[in-house]
Protein backbone atom coordinates (compact mmCIF):
# COMPACT_ATOMS: atom_id res chain seq x y z
CA MET A 1 83.45 100.11 105.24
CA SER A 2 87.41 100.77 104.47
CA GLY A 3 90.07 101.64 107.28
CA LYS A 4 89.85 105.33 107.09
CA ASP A 5 86.06 105.08 108.33
CA LEU A 6 87.17 102.78 111.02
CA LEU A 7 89.32 105.52 112.82
CA LYS A 8 87.80 107.79 114.77
CA HIS A 9 89.24 111.80 115.24
CA LEU A 10 89.04 112.23 118.89
CA THR A 11 89.38 116.10 120.01
CA ASP A 12 89.55 117.77 123.18
CA ASP A 13 85.85 116.73 124.46
CA THR A 14 85.32 113.78 123.09
CA PHE A 15 89.19 111.72 124.20
CA ALA A 16 88.05 110.95 127.99
CA LYS A 17 84.95 109.29 126.68
CA GLU A 18 86.50 107.63 123.78
CA ILE A 19 88.81 105.85 125.45
CA GLU A 20 86.85 105.25 128.77
CA LYS A 21 86.17 101.44 127.82
CA GLY A 22 88.89 98.45 125.50
CA VAL A 23 91.45 98.92 123.72
CA ILE A 24 92.04 102.28 122.07
CA LEU A 25 95.09 102.61 120.09
CA VAL A 26 95.46 106.79 119.66
CA ASP A 27 97.50 108.30 117.27
CA PHE A 28 98.55 111.38 117.81
CA TYR A 29 99.94 113.38 114.57
CA ALA A 30 99.73 116.53 113.26
CA ASP A 31 99.50 117.05 109.50
CA TRP A 32 102.83 119.11 109.13
CA CYS A 33 104.20 116.12 110.13
CA GLY A 34 105.83 113.58 107.32
CA PRO A 35 106.01 109.85 109.01
CA CYS A 36 102.59 110.98 109.99
CA ARG A 37 100.80 110.98 106.61
CA MET A 38 103.03 108.18 106.11
CA LEU A 39 101.39 105.97 109.42
CA ALA A 40 98.09 107.34 108.13
CA PRO A 41 97.47 104.25 105.06
CA ILE A 42 98.60 101.48 107.84
CA LEU A 43 96.54 102.71 110.72
CA GLU A 44 93.52 102.18 108.34
CA GLN A 45 95.13 98.96 107.48
CA VAL A 46 95.34 97.83 110.99
CA ALA A 47 91.86 99.25 112.26
CA GLY A 48 90.68 96.84 109.62
CA GLU A 49 92.03 93.83 110.49
CA VAL A 50 91.86 94.62 114.41
CA LYS A 51 87.82 95.15 114.23
CA GLY A 52 85.96 93.76 116.68
CA LYS A 53 88.88 93.79 119.06
CA ALA A 54 90.17 96.54 119.18
CA SER A 55 89.99 100.24 118.34
CA ILE A 56 92.24 103.24 116.77
CA GLY A 57 91.64 107.17 117.49
CA LYS A 58 93.79 110.34 115.46
CA VAL A 59 94.50 113.52 117.84
CA ASN A 60 95.63 115.95 115.59
CA ILE A 61 98.23 117.72 118.50
CA ASP A 62 97.49 120.96 116.64
CA HIS A 63 94.08 121.30 116.84
CA GLU A 64 93.39 119.55 120.25
CA SER A 65 96.49 120.66 122.23
CA LYS A 66 94.55 120.51 125.83
CA THR A 67 95.00 117.00 125.64
CA ALA A 68 98.23 116.86 123.43
CA SER A 69 99.94 118.57 126.95
CA GLN A 70 97.87 115.89 129.54
CA PHE A 71 99.75 113.13 127.32
CA GLN A 72 103.35 114.75 127.66
CA ILE A 73 103.63 114.72 123.23
CA THR A 74 107.17 116.31 122.61
CA SER A 75 107.27 114.34 119.47
CA VAL A 76 105.11 112.72 116.66
CA PRO A 77 104.09 109.83 115.62
CA THR A 78 103.27 109.20 119.54
CA MET A 79 100.87 106.14 119.27
CA ILE A 80 99.83 105.45 122.85
CA LEU A 81 97.78 102.48 123.72
CA PHE A 82 94.68 102.51 126.13
CA LYS A 83 92.73 100.27 128.16
CA ASN A 84 88.97 100.57 129.95
CA GLY A 85 91.00 104.52 129.93
CA LYS A 86 94.55 103.61 131.48
CA GLU A 87 97.62 104.08 129.01
CA ILE A 88 99.46 100.56 128.76
CA ASN A 89 101.90 101.72 127.15
CA ARG A 90 103.82 104.33 124.02
CA LEU A 91 105.15 103.87 120.43
CA VAL A 92 107.15 106.88 119.38
CA GLY A 93 108.35 106.94 115.30
CA LEU A 94 106.91 105.14 112.26
CA LYS A 95 106.02 101.67 112.79
CA ASN A 96 105.05 98.46 110.43
CA ALA A 97 101.67 97.47 110.20
CA GLN A 98 102.65 94.54 111.48
CA GLY A 99 104.65 95.34 114.51
CA ILE A 100 100.90 97.96 115.43
CA LYS A 101 99.15 95.17 114.78
CA ASP A 102 101.31 92.76 117.56
CA PHE A 103 100.95 96.13 119.65
CA ILE A 104 97.21 95.76 119.88
CA LEU A 105 96.93 93.06 120.56
CA SER A 106 99.03 91.92 123.24
CA ALA A 107 95.91 93.94 125.16
CA VAL A 108 93.29 92.02 123.98
């Protein structure tokens, strides 16, 4: 299974259920965002490395505006770390794989 297959695409309808249990990093992105496109393969790599401990989801802010608004996403990429449905922390901007992995594992 490739890292791409490990990323969950979340919608306004599925978001709450997907974040309610365990640790999940949610990437709020937009298709027109250059740094978001650069972040995608990094998240795929990290998804493989944290498999079994945490998961990674993606929310397209242009298609899922209710969820983006709920979490006051004003710039992309924004990554929010959730544990059992609660926001723990967030990162804004392009980050490297090790930084993202350490960020996720801090909540496991």
